[in-house]
Amino acid sequence: MPLPFPSGGKEMDGLPEKMTELPFILKGMMTAREAEMAVEIGAAGIVVSNHDHVHTNGR
């Protein structure tokens, strides 16, 4: 069951302190700045996916 995490980069500040002291991974980064923010707040990793299967390499 998913937890009710906030969405959007502006809501990432303070997230780990509010949720857990365990290592955490953030999903749904949309920009390089959001990925940087994830690192700044201590994320153990991020998940980046391509749900629409759109080719970004030109093929």
Protein backbone atom coordinates (compact mmCIF):
# COMPACT_ATOMS: atom_id res chain seq x y z
CA MET A 1 0.00 0.00 0.00
CA PRO A 2 1.58 3.30 -1.06
CA LEU A 3 2.16 5.99 1.51
CA PRO A 4 0.57 9.41 0.97
CA PHE A 5 3.74 11.16 -0.17
CA PRO A 6 3.53 14.75 -1.33
CA SER A 7 4.17 15.43 -4.99
CA GLY A 8 6.40 18.01 -6.58
CA GLY A 9 9.88 19.26 -5.91
CA LYS A 10 8.74 22.12 -3.71
CA GLU A 11 7.35 19.58 -1.23
CA MET A 12 10.50 17.43 -0.97
CA ASP A 13 12.13 19.60 1.68
CA GLY A 14 11.81 17.85 5.04
CA LEU A 15 10.33 14.67 3.57
CA PRO A 16 12.76 12.18 5.15
CA GLU A 17 12.44 13.68 8.60
CA LYS A 18 8.65 13.42 8.37
CA MET A 19 8.50 9.84 7.10
CA THR A 20 11.39 7.65 8.28
CA GLU A 21 15.03 7.37 9.25
CA LEU A 22 15.46 4.43 6.86
CA PRO A 23 17.11 4.82 3.45
CA PHE A 24 14.57 5.96 0.87
CA ILE A 25 14.22 6.17 -2.91
CA LEU A 26 12.18 8.84 -4.70
CA LYS A 27 10.22 8.10 -7.86
CA GLY A 28 9.01 10.45 -10.55
CA MET A 29 11.80 12.98 -10.92
CA MET A 30 10.89 15.17 -13.90
CA THR A 31 13.84 17.55 -14.02
CA ALA A 32 17.55 17.61 -13.28
CA ARG A 33 16.84 20.08 -10.46
CA GLU A 34 14.42 17.63 -8.81
CA ALA A 35 17.11 14.93 -8.99
CA GLU A 36 19.59 17.33 -7.38
CA MET A 37 17.08 18.12 -4.63
CA ALA A 38 16.62 14.39 -3.97
CA VAL A 39 20.38 14.08 -3.41
CA GLU A 40 20.40 17.19 -1.21
CA ILE A 41 17.74 15.77 1.13
CA GLY A 42 19.53 12.43 1.39
CA ALA A 43 17.70 10.10 -1.00
CA ALA A 44 19.50 6.78 -1.43
CA GLY A 45 18.39 6.81 -5.07
CA ILE A 46 15.82 7.95 -7.59
CA VAL A 47 13.65 6.11 -10.10
CA VAL A 48 13.38 7.51 -13.61
CA SER A 49 11.05 5.76 -16.03
CA ASN A 50 9.57 6.21 -19.46
CA HIS A 51 5.94 5.13 -19.07
CA ASP A 52 4.94 6.03 -22.62
CA HIS A 53 7.82 4.06 -24.16
CA VAL A 54 8.78 7.14 -26.16
CA HIS A 55 12.21 6.70 -27.67
CA THR A 56 14.60 9.40 -26.60
CA ASN A 57 17.51 8.13 -28.69
CA GLY A 58 15.90 8.95 -32.05
CA ARG A 59 14.93 5.39 -33.00
